[in-house]
C-alpha atoms as a PDB file:
ATOM      1  CA  MET A   1       0.025  -0.015  -0.066  1.00  0.00           C
ATOM      2  CA  ILE A   2       2.732   2.406   0.816  1.00  0.00           C
ATOM      3  CA  ILE A   3       4.227   1.884  -2.736  1.00  0.00           C
ATOM      4  CA  ILE A   4       0.880   2.864  -4.290  1.00  0.00           C
ATOM      5  CA  ILE A   5       0.824   5.882  -2.028  1.00  0.00           C
ATOM      6  CA  LEU A   6       4.396   6.947  -2.949  1.00  0.00           C
ATOM      7  CA  GLY A   7       3.796   6.298  -6.664  1.00  0.00           C
ATOM      8  CA  THR A   8       0.527   8.342  -6.733  1.00  0.00           C
ATOM      9  CA  ALA A   9       2.060  11.302  -4.771  1.00  0.00           C
ATOM     10  CA  ALA A  10       5.090  11.445  -7.064  1.00  0.00           C
ATOM     11  CA  ALA A  11       2.906  11.228 -10.165  1.00  0.00           C
ATOM     12  CA  ILE A  12       0.500  14.086  -8.769  1.00  0.00           C
ATOM     13  CA  CYS A  13       3.637  16.237  -7.925  1.00  0.00           C
ATOM     14  CA  SER A  14       5.303  15.551 -11.169  1.00  0.00           C
ATOM     15  CA  MET A  15       2.175  16.564 -13.156  1.00  0.00           C
ATOM     16  CA  ALA A  16       1.421  19.541 -11.001  1.00  0.00           C
ATOM     17  CA  SER A  17       4.945  20.972 -11.372  1.00  0.00           C
ATOM     18  CA  PHE A  18       4.433  21.925 -15.116  1.00  0.00           C
ATOM     19  CA  VAL A  19       1.105  23.563 -14.669  1.00  0.00           C
ATOM     20  CA  PRO A  20       2.326  26.913 -13.043  1.00  0.00           C
ATOM     21  CA  GLN A  21       4.771  27.323 -15.911  1.00  0.00           C
ATOM     22  CA  ALA A  22       2.310  26.747 -18.577  1.00  0.00           C
ATOM     23  CA  TRP A  23      -0.145  28.892 -16.925  1.00  0.00           C
ATOM     24  CA  ARG A  24       2.388  31.778 -16.655  1.00  0.00           C
ATOM     25  CA  ILE A  25       3.141  31.436 -20.408  1.00  0.00           C
ATOM     26  CA  ILE A  26      -0.700  31.753 -21.143  1.00  0.00           C
ATOM     27  CA  ARG A  27      -1.079  34.840 -18.940  1.00  0.00           C
ATOM     28  CA  THR A  28       2.093  36.692 -19.922  1.00  0.00           C
ATOM     29  CA  ARG A  29       3.012  35.313 -23.241  1.00  0.00           C
ATOM     30  CA  ASP A  30       6.628  35.508 -22.130  1.00  0.00           C
ATOM     31  CA  THR A  31       8.954  32.682 -22.576  1.00  0.00           C
ATOM     32  CA  GLU A  32      12.226  34.570 -22.659  1.00  0.00           C
ATOM     33  CA  GLY A  33      13.705  32.849 -19.637  1.00  0.00           C
ATOM     34  CA  ILE A  34      12.882  29.334 -20.657  1.00  0.00           C
ATOM     35  CA  SER A  35      15.460  27.158 -22.229  1.00  0.00           C
ATOM     36  CA  PRO A  36      14.315  25.553 -25.411  1.00  0.00           C
ATOM     37  CA  GLY A  37      17.041  22.839 -25.046  1.00  0.00           C
ATOM     38  CA  THR A  38      15.984  21.910 -21.650  1.00  0.00           C
ATOM     39  CA  TYR A  39      12.244  21.624 -22.611  1.00  0.00           C
ATOM     40  CA  PHE A  40      13.277  19.633 -25.772  1.00  0.00           C
ATOM     41  CA  LEU A  41      14.975  17.087 -23.657  1.00  0.00           C
ATOM     42  CA  THR A  42      12.141  17.064 -21.029  1.00  0.00           C
ATOM     43  CA  VAL A  43       9.626  16.427 -23.939  1.00  0.00           C
ATOM     44  CA  LEU A  44      11.896  13.634 -25.274  1.00  0.00           C
ATOM     45  CA  ALA A  45      12.287  11.955 -21.786  1.00  0.00           C
ATOM     46  CA  PHE A  46       8.455  11.965 -21.150  1.00  0.00           C
ATOM     47  CA  ALA A  47       7.904  10.433 -24.630  1.00  0.00           C
ATOM     48  CA  LEU A  48      10.367   7.700 -23.756  1.00  0.00           C
ATOM     49  CA  TRP A  49       8.803   7.190 -20.308  1.00  0.00           C
ATOM     50  CA  THR A  50       5.346   7.042 -21.939  1.00  0.00           C
ATOM     51  CA  ALA A  51       6.449   4.543 -24.541  1.00  0.00           C
ATOM     52  CA  TYR A  52       8.238   2.455 -21.821  1.00  0.00           C
ATOM     53  CA  GLY A  53       4.893   2.426 -19.868  1.00  0.00           C
ATOM     54  CA  LEU A  54       2.987   1.435 -22.880  1.00  0.00           C
ATOM     55  CA  SER A  55       5.433  -1.480 -23.520  1.00  0.00           C
ATOM     56  CA  LEU A  56       4.968  -2.621 -19.904  1.00  0.00           C
ATOM     57  CA  GLY A  57       1.228  -2.087 -19.897  1.00  0.00           C
ATOM     58  CA  ALA A  58       1.840   0.145 -16.766  1.00  0.00           C
ATOM     59  CA  TRP A  59      -1.109   2.546 -17.253  1.00  0.00           C
ATOM     60  CA  PRO A  60      -0.052   4.741 -14.137  1.00  0.00           C
ATOM     61  CA  LEU A  61       3.200   5.327 -15.957  1.00  0.00           C
ATOM     62  CA  VAL A  62       1.455   6.049 -19.186  1.00  0.00           C
ATOM     63  CA  ALA A  63      -1.198   8.445 -17.639  1.00  0.00           C
ATOM     64  CA  SER A  64       1.218  10.571 -15.584  1.00  0.00           C
ATOM     65  CA  ASN A  65       4.008  10.732 -18.123  1.00  0.00           C
ATOM     66  CA  GLY A  66       1.349  11.249 -21.055  1.00  0.00           C
ATOM     67  CA  PHE A  67       0.134  14.176 -19.183  1.00  0.00           C
ATOM     68  CA  ASN A  68       3.559  15.596 -18.541  1.00  0.00           C
ATOM     69  CA  LEU A  69       4.437  14.946 -22.230  1.00  0.00           C
ATOM     70  CA  LEU A  70       1.656  17.066 -23.464  1.00  0.00           C
ATOM     71  CA  ILE A  71       2.164  19.979 -21.048  1.00  0.00           C
ATOM     72  CA  SER A  72       5.902  20.005 -21.461  1.00  0.00           C
ATOM     73  CA  ALA A  73       5.375  19.930 -25.228  1.00  0.00           C
ATOM     74  CA  PHE A  74       3.069  22.839 -25.008  1.00  0.00           C
ATOM     75  CA  ILE A  75       5.626  24.719 -23.048  1.00  0.00           C
ATOM     76  CA  PHE A  76       8.318  23.699 -25.549  1.00  0.00           C
ATOM     77  CA  MET A  77       6.205  24.835 -28.462  1.00  0.00           C
ATOM     78  CA  MET A  78       5.374  28.166 -26.881  1.00  0.00           C
ATOM     79  CA  THR A  79       9.084  28.747 -26.329  1.00  0.00           C
ATOM     80  CA  ILE A  80      10.006  28.247 -30.072  1.00  0.00           C
ATOM     81  CA  LEU A  81       7.023  29.768 -31.671  1.00  0.00           C
ATOM     82  CA  PRO A  82       7.068  33.495 -32.958  1.00  0.00           C
ATOM     83  CA  GLN A  83       5.392  35.980 -30.569  1.00  0.00           C
ATOM     84  CA  ARG A  84       2.395  36.560 -32.789  1.00  0.00           C
ATOM     85  CA  THR A  85       1.594  32.876 -32.701  1.00  0.00           C
ATOM     86  CA  LYS A  86       1.909  32.664 -28.939  1.00  0.00           C
ATOM     87  CA  ASP A  87      -0.421  35.638 -28.450  1.00  0.00           C
ATOM     88  CA  THR A  88      -2.976  33.923 -30.660  1.00  0.00           C
ATOM     89  CA  ILE A  89      -2.677  30.556 -28.882  1.00  0.00           C
ATOM     90  CA  ALA A  90      -2.771  32.230 -25.398  1.00  0.00           C
ATOM     91  CA  GLU A  91      -5.693  34.405 -26.361  1.00  0.00           C
ATOM     92  CA  THR A  92      -7.639  31.271 -27.584  1.00  0.00           C
ATOM     93  CA  ILE A  93      -7.043  29.495 -24.315  1.00  0.00           C
ATOM     94  CA  ASP A  94      -7.572  32.627 -22.038  1.00  0.00           C
ATOM     95  CA  PRO A  95      -9.680  35.095 -23.905  1.00  0.00           C
ATOM     96  CA  ASP A  96     -10.557  37.234 -20.812  1.00  0.00           C
ATOM     97  CA  ASP A  97      -6.944  37.934 -20.135  1.00  0.00           C
ATOM     98  CA  LYS A  98      -5.943  41.587 -20.628  1.00  0.00           C
ATOM     99  CA  LYS A  99      -2.268  41.181 -20.056  1.00  0.00           C
END
């Protein structure tokens, strides 16, 4: 039981750790301080973890790493996109934001 609790807590913390960064990008449209290289490697790592979980049939690994893959890929893409495109995406996600 303790192993399930530890794994669940780790997955929740891992998934939650990317949400503030993604939300900050949406709200400010600013990605200047974010390293594209770091997020490229992060996306690659989560893609590999997701594939690993799929190959094992370990759905907790697939779910948590799949979520992290999506949100880190969003952060990476927002980091490398031109400002006009970032603004359009952010406005679509949070239309009430007045910067």
